[in-house]
C-alpha atoms as a PDB file:
ATOM      1  CA  MET A   1      70.562   1.758 -57.921  1.00  0.00           C
ATOM      2  CA  SER A   2      73.138   2.937 -55.429  1.00  0.00           C
ATOM      3  CA  ASP A   3      74.056   0.784 -52.555  1.00  0.00           C
ATOM      4  CA  PRO A   4      72.085   2.104 -49.583  1.00  0.00           C
ATOM      5  CA  GLY A   5      74.439   0.659 -47.053  1.00  0.00           C
ATOM      6  CA  PHE A   6      73.817   0.996 -43.385  1.00  0.00           C
ATOM      7  CA  ILE A   7      75.088   4.448 -42.772  1.00  0.00           C
ATOM      8  CA  LEU A   8      77.770   5.383 -45.149  1.00  0.00           C
ATOM      9  CA  PRO A   9      80.159   3.794 -47.626  1.00  0.00           C
ATOM     10  CA  SER A  10      82.863   1.301 -46.492  1.00  0.00           C
ATOM     11  CA  VAL A  11      85.859   2.695 -44.883  1.00  0.00           C
ATOM     12  CA  ASN A  12      88.579   0.191 -45.153  1.00  0.00           C
ATOM     13  CA  PRO A  13      91.698   0.992 -43.144  1.00  0.00           C
ATOM     14  CA  THR A  14      93.824  -1.189 -45.502  1.00  0.00           C
ATOM     15  CA  GLU A  15      93.031   1.086 -48.335  1.00  0.00           C
ATOM     16  CA  THR A  16      93.719   4.403 -46.607  1.00  0.00           C
ATOM     17  CA  ASP A  17      96.988   6.179 -46.010  1.00  0.00           C
ATOM     18  CA  PRO A  18      98.955   5.142 -42.769  1.00  0.00           C
ATOM     19  CA  THR A  19      98.143   8.032 -40.783  1.00  0.00           C
ATOM     20  CA  THR A  20      94.378   7.805 -41.287  1.00  0.00           C
ATOM     21  CA  GLU A  21      94.696   4.015 -40.793  1.00  0.00           C
ATOM     22  CA  ARG A  22      96.373   4.477 -37.352  1.00  0.00           C
ATOM     23  CA  ARG A  23      93.706   6.985 -36.311  1.00  0.00           C
ATOM     24  CA  ILE A  24      90.843   4.841 -37.290  1.00  0.00           C
ATOM     25  CA  ARG A  25      92.200   1.958 -35.376  1.00  0.00           C
ATOM     26  CA  ALA A  26      92.975   4.115 -32.350  1.00  0.00           C
ATOM     27  CA  VAL A  27      89.349   5.424 -32.326  1.00  0.00           C
ATOM     28  CA  VAL A  28      87.883   1.968 -32.704  1.00  0.00           C
ATOM     29  CA  LEU A  29      90.155   0.720 -29.846  1.00  0.00           C
ATOM     30  CA  MET A  30      89.268   3.520 -27.496  1.00  0.00           C
ATOM     31  CA  LEU A  31      85.510   3.119 -28.159  1.00  0.00           C
ATOM     32  CA  ALA A  32      85.790  -0.508 -27.374  1.00  0.00           C
ATOM     33  CA  ALA A  33      87.253   0.536 -23.940  1.00  0.00           C
ATOM     34  CA  VAL A  34      84.330   3.001 -23.327  1.00  0.00           C
ATOM     35  CA  GLY A  35      81.919   0.253 -24.147  1.00  0.00           C
ATOM     36  CA  GLY A  36      83.565  -2.149 -21.758  1.00  0.00           C
ATOM     37  CA  TRP A  37      83.871   0.498 -19.039  1.00  0.00           C
ATOM     38  CA  LEU A  38      80.251   1.327 -19.291  1.00  0.00           C
ATOM     39  CA  ASP A  39      79.302  -2.286 -19.163  1.00  0.00           C
ATOM     40  CA  GLY A  40      81.493  -2.821 -16.135  1.00  0.00           C
ATOM     41  CA  LEU A  41      80.069   0.164 -14.369  1.00  0.00           C
ATOM     42  CA  THR A  42      76.356  -0.834 -14.794  1.00  0.00           C
ATOM     43  CA  PHE A  43      76.835  -4.711 -14.582  1.00  0.00           C
ATOM     44  CA  LEU A  44      78.937  -4.615 -11.493  1.00  0.00           C
ATOM     45  CA  THR A  45      77.267  -1.743  -9.474  1.00  0.00           C
ATOM     46  CA  LEU A  46      73.778  -1.507 -10.984  1.00  0.00           C
ATOM     47  CA  GLY A  47      72.313  -5.017 -10.774  1.00  0.00           C
ATOM     48  CA  GLY A  48      73.897  -6.982 -13.485  1.00  0.00           C
ATOM     49  CA  VAL A  49      72.635  -4.879 -16.412  1.00  0.00           C
ATOM     50  CA  PHE A  50      74.606  -4.416 -19.655  1.00  0.00           C
ATOM     51  CA  VAL A  51      74.332  -0.992 -21.659  1.00  0.00           C
ATOM     52  CA  SER A  52      76.626  -2.105 -24.486  1.00  0.00           C
ATOM     53  CA  ALA A  53      76.617  -5.958 -24.786  1.00  0.00           C
ATOM     54  CA  MET A  54      72.986  -6.400 -25.392  1.00  0.00           C
ATOM     55  CA  THR A  55      73.112 -10.235 -25.773  1.00  0.00           C
ATOM     56  CA  GLY A  56      73.462 -10.694 -22.118  1.00  0.00           C
ATOM     57  CA  ASN A  57      70.418  -8.468 -21.439  1.00  0.00           C
ATOM     58  CA  PHE A  58      68.186 -10.598 -23.627  1.00  0.00           C
ATOM     59  CA  VAL A  59      69.344 -13.862 -21.713  1.00  0.00           C
ATOM     60  CA  GLN A  60      68.517 -11.981 -18.386  1.00  0.00           C
ATOM     61  CA  PHE A  61      65.111 -11.057 -19.838  1.00  0.00           C
ATOM     62  CA  GLY A  62      64.114 -14.719 -19.650  1.00  0.00           C
ATOM     63  CA  SER A  63      65.631 -15.339 -16.213  1.00  0.00           C
ATOM     64  CA  SER A  64      64.011 -12.210 -14.714  1.00  0.00           C
ATOM     65  CA  LEU A  65      60.585 -13.048 -16.011  1.00  0.00           C
ATOM     66  CA  GLY A  66      60.877 -16.638 -14.807  1.00  0.00           C
ATOM     67  CA  ASN A  67      62.113 -15.516 -11.340  1.00  0.00           C
ATOM     68  CA  GLY A  68      59.559 -12.610 -11.081  1.00  0.00           C
ATOM     69  CA  GLU A  69      62.362 -10.242 -10.712  1.00  0.00           C
ATOM     70  CA  TRP A  70      60.375  -7.189 -12.126  1.00  0.00           C
ATOM     71  CA  ALA A  71      62.868  -4.495 -10.974  1.00  0.00           C
ATOM     72  CA  GLN A  72      65.683  -6.057 -12.939  1.00  0.00           C
ATOM     73  CA  PHE A  73      63.452  -6.774 -15.907  1.00  0.00           C
ATOM     74  CA  ALA A  74      62.516  -3.087 -15.978  1.00  0.00           C
ATOM     75  CA  CYS A  75      66.171  -1.980 -15.651  1.00  0.00           C
ATOM     76  CA  LEU A  76      67.020  -4.472 -18.511  1.00  0.00           C
ATOM     77  CA  MET A  77      64.210  -3.018 -20.663  1.00  0.00           C
ATOM     78  CA  THR A  78      65.587   0.580 -19.865  1.00  0.00           C
ATOM     79  CA  ALA A  79      69.020  -0.471 -21.149  1.00  0.00           C
ATOM     80  CA  VAL A  80      67.836  -2.038 -24.308  1.00  0.00           C
ATOM     81  CA  THR A  81      65.272   0.661 -25.225  1.00  0.00           C
ATOM     82  CA  THR A  82      67.800   3.556 -24.647  1.00  0.00           C
ATOM     83  CA  ALA A  83      70.589   1.701 -26.653  1.00  0.00           C
ATOM     84  CA  PHE A  84      68.030   1.284 -29.461  1.00  0.00           C
ATOM     85  CA  LEU A  85      67.294   5.059 -29.296  1.00  0.00           C
ATOM     86  CA  GLY A  86      70.904   5.974 -29.361  1.00  0.00           C
ATOM     87  CA  GLY A  87      71.595   3.882 -32.326  1.00  0.00           C
ATOM     88  CA  ALA A  88      68.629   5.323 -34.101  1.00  0.00           C
ATOM     89  CA  VAL A  89      69.769   8.866 -33.390  1.00  0.00           C
ATOM     90  CA  ALA A  90      73.310   7.989 -34.634  1.00  0.00           C
ATOM     91  CA  VAL A  91      72.024   6.606 -37.981  1.00  0.00           C
ATOM     92  CA  PHE A  92      69.809   9.771 -38.459  1.00  0.00           C
ATOM     93  CA  MET A  93      72.703  12.121 -37.612  1.00  0.00           C
ATOM     94  CA  VAL A  94      75.180  10.415 -39.846  1.00  0.00           C
ATOM     95  CA  ARG A  95      72.764  10.369 -42.899  1.00  0.00           C
ATOM     96  CA  ARG A  96      71.836  13.940 -42.369  1.00  0.00           C
ATOM     97  CA  THR A  97      75.331  15.122 -42.663  1.00  0.00           C
ATOM     98  CA  GLY A  98      75.593  14.078 -46.462  1.00  0.00           C
ATOM     99  CA  GLN A  99      79.222  13.380 -45.900  1.00  0.00           C
ATOM    100  CA  ALA A 100      80.983  10.006 -46.757  1.00  0.00           C
ATOM    101  CA  ALA A 101      84.579  10.713 -46.142  1.00  0.00           C
ATOM    102  CA  TRP A 102      86.149   9.900 -42.872  1.00  0.00           C
ATOM    103  CA  PRO A 103      85.794  11.096 -40.377  1.00  0.00           C
ATOM    104  CA  GLY A 104      82.932  13.477 -41.208  1.00  0.00           C
ATOM    105  CA  PRO A 105      80.033  11.155 -40.860  1.00  0.00           C
ATOM    106  CA  VAL A 106      80.737  10.026 -37.336  1.00  0.00           C
ATOM    107  CA  ARG A 107      81.807  13.336 -35.778  1.00  0.00           C
ATOM    108  CA  ARG A 108      78.266  14.410 -34.881  1.00  0.00           C
ATOM    109  CA  PRO A 109      77.096  11.257 -33.198  1.00  0.00           C
ATOM    110  CA  LEU A 110      80.306  10.833 -31.233  1.00  0.00           C
ATOM    111  CA  THR A 111      80.370  14.548 -30.232  1.00  0.00           C
ATOM    112  CA  LEU A 112      76.717  13.964 -28.887  1.00  0.00           C
ATOM    113  CA  GLN A 113      77.947  11.019 -27.087  1.00  0.00           C
ATOM    114  CA  PHE A 114      80.484  13.177 -25.238  1.00  0.00           C
ATOM    115  CA  GLY A 115      77.744  15.463 -24.072  1.00  0.00           C
ATOM    116  CA  VAL A 116      75.581  12.382 -23.050  1.00  0.00           C
ATOM    117  CA  LEU A 117      78.729  11.129 -21.054  1.00  0.00           C
ATOM    118  CA  VAL A 118      78.813  14.565 -19.366  1.00  0.00           C
ATOM    119  CA  ALA A 119      75.225  13.985 -18.324  1.00  0.00           C
ATOM    120  CA  LEU A 120      76.189  10.539 -17.098  1.00  0.00           C
ATOM    121  CA  VAL A 121      78.777  11.935 -14.757  1.00  0.00           C
ATOM    122  CA  ILE A 122      76.425  14.622 -13.520  1.00  0.00           C
ATOM    123  CA  ALA A 123      73.719  12.022 -12.824  1.00  0.00           C
ATOM    124  CA  TRP A 124      76.355   9.683 -11.021  1.00  0.00           C
ATOM    125  CA  PHE A 125      77.407  12.473  -8.744  1.00  0.00           C
ATOM    126  CA  LEU A 126      73.890  13.734  -8.218  1.00  0.00           C
ATOM    127  CA  PHE A 127      72.630  10.415  -7.112  1.00  0.00           C
ATOM    128  CA  ASP A 128      75.901   9.561  -5.316  1.00  0.00           C
ATOM    129  CA  SER A 129      76.768   6.355  -6.938  1.00  0.00           C
ATOM    130  CA  PRO A 130      73.410   4.791  -6.813  1.00  0.00           C
ATOM    131  CA  ASP A 131      72.404   1.550  -5.585  1.00  0.00           C
ATOM    132  CA  ALA A 132      70.911  -1.091  -7.955  1.00  0.00           C
ATOM    133  CA  PHE A 133      67.307  -0.717  -8.958  1.00  0.00           C
ATOM    134  CA  THR A 134      66.884   2.781  -7.315  1.00  0.00           C
ATOM    135  CA  PHE A 135      65.472   5.782  -9.355  1.00  0.00           C
ATOM    136  CA  GLY A 136      69.072   6.926  -9.749  1.00  0.00           C
ATOM    137  CA  ALA A 137      70.216   3.572 -11.072  1.00  0.00           C
ATOM    138  CA  PHE A 138      67.417   3.706 -13.736  1.00  0.00           C
ATOM    139  CA  VAL A 139      68.463   7.208 -14.738  1.00  0.00           C
ATOM    140  CA  VAL A 140      72.280   6.149 -14.974  1.00  0.00           C
ATOM    141  CA  VAL A 141      71.323   3.093 -16.941  1.00  0.00           C
ATOM    142  CA  ALA A 142      69.233   5.007 -19.329  1.00  0.00           C
ATOM    143  CA  ILE A 143      71.843   7.668 -20.096  1.00  0.00           C
ATOM    144  CA  ALA A 144      74.621   5.053 -20.402  1.00  0.00           C
ATOM    145  CA  GLY A 145      72.586   2.873 -22.816  1.00  0.00           C
ATOM    146  CA  PHE A 146      71.957   5.904 -25.058  1.00  0.00           C
ATOM    147  CA  ALA A 147      75.745   6.774 -25.055  1.00  0.00           C
ATOM    148  CA  ALA A 148      76.574   2.999 -25.948  1.00  0.00           C
ATOM    149  CA  GLY A 149      73.786   3.029 -28.774  1.00  0.00           C
ATOM    150  CA  LEU A 150      75.421   6.194 -30.127  1.00  0.00           C
ATOM    151  CA  GLN A 151      78.988   4.698 -30.545  1.00  0.00           C
ATOM    152  CA  GLY A 152      77.864   1.166 -31.523  1.00  0.00           C
ATOM    153  CA  ALA A 153      75.721   2.390 -34.470  1.00  0.00           C
ATOM    154  CA  SER A 154      78.312   4.993 -35.601  1.00  0.00           C
ATOM    155  CA  ILE A 155      81.184   2.424 -35.835  1.00  0.00           C
ATOM    156  CA  LEU A 156      79.026  -0.228 -37.326  1.00  0.00           C
ATOM    157  CA  GLY A 157      78.149   2.120 -40.045  1.00  0.00           C
ATOM    158  CA  LEU A 158      81.686   2.334 -41.164  1.00  0.00           C
ATOM    159  CA  LYS A 159      81.394  -1.331 -42.197  1.00  0.00           C
ATOM    160  CA  ILE A 160      84.911  -2.117 -41.188  1.00  0.00           C
ATOM    161  CA  LYS A 161      84.669  -5.847 -40.669  1.00  0.00           C
ATOM    162  CA  GLY A 162      85.841  -6.666 -37.220  1.00  0.00           C
ATOM    163  CA  ALA A 163      85.537  -3.152 -35.843  1.00  0.00           C
ATOM    164  CA  GLY A 164      83.147  -3.953 -33.010  1.00  0.00           C
ATOM    165  CA  VAL A 165      82.950  -1.622 -30.108  1.00  0.00           C
ATOM    166  CA  ASN A 166      79.890  -3.150 -28.670  1.00  0.00           C
ATOM    167  CA  ALA A 167      79.360  -6.497 -30.367  1.00  0.00           C
ATOM    168  CA  ILE A 168      82.655  -8.092 -29.089  1.00  0.00           C
ATOM    169  CA  THR A 169      81.448 -11.717 -29.677  1.00  0.00           C
ATOM    170  CA  ALA A 170      81.897 -11.296 -33.508  1.00  0.00           C
ATOM    171  CA  VAL A 171      85.444 -10.076 -33.003  1.00  0.00           C
ATOM    172  CA  LEU A 172      86.227 -13.164 -30.978  1.00  0.00           C
ATOM    173  CA  PHE A 173      84.962 -15.385 -33.818  1.00  0.00           C
ATOM    174  CA  LEU A 174      87.108 -13.446 -36.295  1.00  0.00           C
ATOM    175  CA  VAL A 175      90.187 -13.962 -34.220  1.00  0.00           C
ATOM    176  CA  SER A 176      89.325 -17.703 -34.003  1.00  0.00           C
ATOM    177  CA  ALA A 177      88.983 -17.891 -37.748  1.00  0.00           C
ATOM    178  CA  ASP A 178      92.371 -16.285 -38.205  1.00  0.00           C
ATOM    179  CA  PHE A 179      93.839 -18.799 -35.879  1.00  0.00           C
ATOM    180  CA  VAL A 180      92.397 -21.654 -37.841  1.00  0.00           C
ATOM    181  CA  GLU A 181      93.569 -20.249 -41.111  1.00  0.00           C
ATOM    182  CA  ARG A 182      97.096 -19.840 -39.860  1.00  0.00           C
ATOM    183  CA  ALA A 183      97.252 -23.293 -38.274  1.00  0.00           C
ATOM    184  CA  THR A 184      95.543 -25.220 -41.174  1.00  0.00           C
ATOM    185  CA  LYS A 185      95.763 -22.900 -44.255  1.00  0.00           C
ATOM    186  CA  VAL A 186      91.990 -23.303 -44.562  1.00  0.00           C
ATOM    187  CA  GLU A 187      90.545 -19.928 -45.563  1.00  0.00           C
ATOM    188  CA  GLY A 188      87.721 -18.413 -43.450  1.00  0.00           C
ATOM    189  CA  PRO A 189      86.058 -15.143 -42.824  1.00  0.00           C
ATOM    190  CA  LYS A 190      88.468 -12.303 -42.878  1.00  0.00           C
ATOM    191  CA  ALA A 191      88.480  -9.013 -40.849  1.00  0.00           C
ATOM    192  CA  ALA A 192      89.563  -5.646 -42.303  1.00  0.00           C
ATOM    193  CA  LEU A 193      91.711  -5.139 -39.194  1.00  0.00           C
ATOM    194  CA  PRO A 194      94.837  -7.189 -38.476  1.00  0.00           C
ATOM    195  CA  PRO A 195      94.613  -9.956 -35.777  1.00  0.00           C
ATOM    196  CA  ALA A 196      96.677  -7.799 -33.210  1.00  0.00           C
ATOM    197  CA  ILE A 197      93.937  -5.036 -33.428  1.00  0.00           C
ATOM    198  CA  LEU A 198      91.213  -7.573 -33.022  1.00  0.00           C
ATOM    199  CA  VAL A 199      92.750  -8.928 -29.912  1.00  0.00           C
ATOM    200  CA  GLY A 200      93.376  -5.472 -28.682  1.00  0.00           C
ATOM    201  CA  LEU A 201      89.661  -4.753 -29.159  1.00  0.00           C
ATOM    202  CA  LEU A 202      88.924  -7.719 -26.895  1.00  0.00           C
ATOM    203  CA  LEU A 203      91.505  -6.546 -24.298  1.00  0.00           C
ATOM    204  CA  ALA A 204      90.225  -2.877 -24.373  1.00  0.00           C
ATOM    205  CA  TYR A 205      86.714  -4.080 -23.809  1.00  0.00           C
ATOM    206  CA  ALA A 206      87.853  -6.322 -20.919  1.00  0.00           C
ATOM    207  CA  SER A 207      89.844  -3.563 -19.378  1.00  0.00           C
ATOM    208  CA  GLY A 208      86.743  -1.651 -18.546  1.00  0.00           C
ATOM    209  CA  GLY A 209      85.478  -4.388 -16.257  1.00  0.00           C
ATOM    210  CA  LEU A 210      88.895  -4.807 -14.699  1.00  0.00           C
ATOM    211  CA  ILE A 211      89.278  -1.025 -14.002  1.00  0.00           C
ATOM    212  CA  VAL A 212      85.778  -0.843 -12.342  1.00  0.00           C
ATOM    213  CA  THR A 213      86.328  -3.844 -10.204  1.00  0.00           C
ATOM    214  CA  LEU A 214      89.856  -2.670  -8.977  1.00  0.00           C
ATOM    215  CA  ALA A 215      88.889   0.919  -8.431  1.00  0.00           C
ATOM    216  CA  TYR A 216      85.319   1.112  -7.472  1.00  0.00           C
ATOM    217  CA  ASP A 217      85.673   0.655  -3.693  1.00  0.00           C
ATOM    218  CA  ASP A 218      88.296   3.421  -3.386  1.00  0.00           C
ATOM    219  CA  PHE A 219      86.916   5.751  -5.941  1.00  0.00           C
ATOM    220  CA  PRO A 220      83.194   5.237  -6.284  1.00  0.00           C
ATOM    221  CA  ARG A 221      82.501   8.577  -7.559  1.00  0.00           C
ATOM    222  CA  ALA A 222      85.462   9.186  -9.850  1.00  0.00           C
ATOM    223  CA  ILE A 223      85.091   5.812 -11.520  1.00  0.00           C
ATOM    224  CA  VAL A 224      82.497   7.283 -13.830  1.00  0.00           C
ATOM    225  CA  LEU A 225      84.893   9.864 -15.390  1.00  0.00           C
ATOM    226  CA  GLY A 226      86.982   7.310 -17.437  1.00  0.00           C
ATOM    227  CA  PRO A 227      84.500   6.878 -20.334  1.00  0.00           C
ATOM    228  CA  LEU A 228      84.266  10.771 -20.616  1.00  0.00           C
ATOM    229  CA  VAL A 229      88.009  11.192 -20.729  1.00  0.00           C
ATOM    230  CA  ILE A 230      88.389   8.556 -23.379  1.00  0.00           C
ATOM    231  CA  SER A 231      85.534  10.186 -25.358  1.00  0.00           C
ATOM    232  CA  GLY A 232      87.221  13.533 -25.279  1.00  0.00           C
ATOM    233  CA  LEU A 233      90.454  11.907 -26.791  1.00  0.00           C
ATOM    234  CA  VAL A 234      88.420  10.356 -29.499  1.00  0.00           C
ATOM    235  CA  LEU A 235      86.949  13.767 -30.297  1.00  0.00           C
ATOM    236  CA  ALA A 236      90.442  15.245 -30.461  1.00  0.00           C
ATOM    237  CA  ILE A 237      91.486  12.564 -32.828  1.00  0.00           C
ATOM    238  CA  LEU A 238      88.488  13.195 -35.062  1.00  0.00           C
ATOM    239  CA  ARG A 239      89.029  16.836 -35.058  1.00  0.00           C
ATOM    240  CA  THR A 240      92.620  16.476 -36.054  1.00  0.00           C
ATOM    241  CA  GLU A 241      91.637  14.086 -38.893  1.00  0.00           C
ATOM    242  CA  ASN A 242      88.835  16.437 -39.981  1.00  0.00           C
ATOM    243  CA  VAL A 243      91.251  19.404 -40.356  1.00  0.00           C
ATOM    244  CA  ARG A 244      93.704  17.139 -42.226  1.00  0.00           C
ATOM    245  CA  SER A 245      90.943  16.035 -44.543  1.00  0.00           C
ATOM    246  CA  GLN A 246      89.875  19.628 -45.240  1.00  0.00           C
ATOM    247  CA  GLN A 247      93.468  20.664 -46.014  1.00  0.00           C
ATOM    248  CA  GLU A 248      93.801  17.876 -48.457  1.00  0.00           C
ATOM    249  CA  GLU A 249      90.414  18.848 -50.126  1.00  0.00           C
ATOM    250  CA  SER A 250      91.749  22.533 -50.358  1.00  0.00           C
ATOM    251  CA  LYS A 251      94.910  21.240 -52.094  1.00  0.00           C
ATOM    252  CA  ASP A 252      93.020  19.249 -54.650  1.00  0.00           C
ATOM    253  CA  LEU A 253      90.934  22.285 -55.588  1.00  0.00           C
ATOM    254  CA  THR A 254      93.845  24.488 -56.087  1.00  0.00           C
ATOM    255  CA  THR A 255      95.793  21.979 -58.283  1.00  0.00           C
END
């Protein structure tokens, strides 16, 4: 019986050609920045809600229930529900493609994510940088959660160990395991990405919160454009890689 996997067969950058390896790593780093930016936007401006890092939301479920903060509870539930739906849609879209070769399986959900981020920008401007727990805030959280779910499930499905664009905690533990192995020669869990890229993922994610913190007061409306711009760059890389893959397939058929 074939391995069902989560979404598609493993794509290990250490087993690919250097150009594809660089592009896979670039995509993962850029999507980590998108995840951090979305979390920074919703956490810092919309009532402490995460749309990418779900662990923090589940902790806050308990505190909001205990304190009777029903508006926050509803906002947390919105984020978790829409992230779940985004992940489910990504899994469905990838499996429907019938493609296993990078980057074919992830192009559709990440293209959809770009469209969802366009909707996020429209909602942000329409509700004029909404205040926490208003109707506009719920709409923004719902759209951002769906976008985060799309990218998280897509990249998780590549099964590149350490390529976390939403679940950054696992990346931190892989960095610590590498540090221990280098210091003590005791082998531990290994990532498919080098330590420098793992640290880059942590920094890319953190950069989202930093940018939102520094720029929000001066650019409260334009701050939402960042994830959309990065998503567009990701699609450009995927399109280039897809053209390259098709050219190589054509060469193989003619030889």
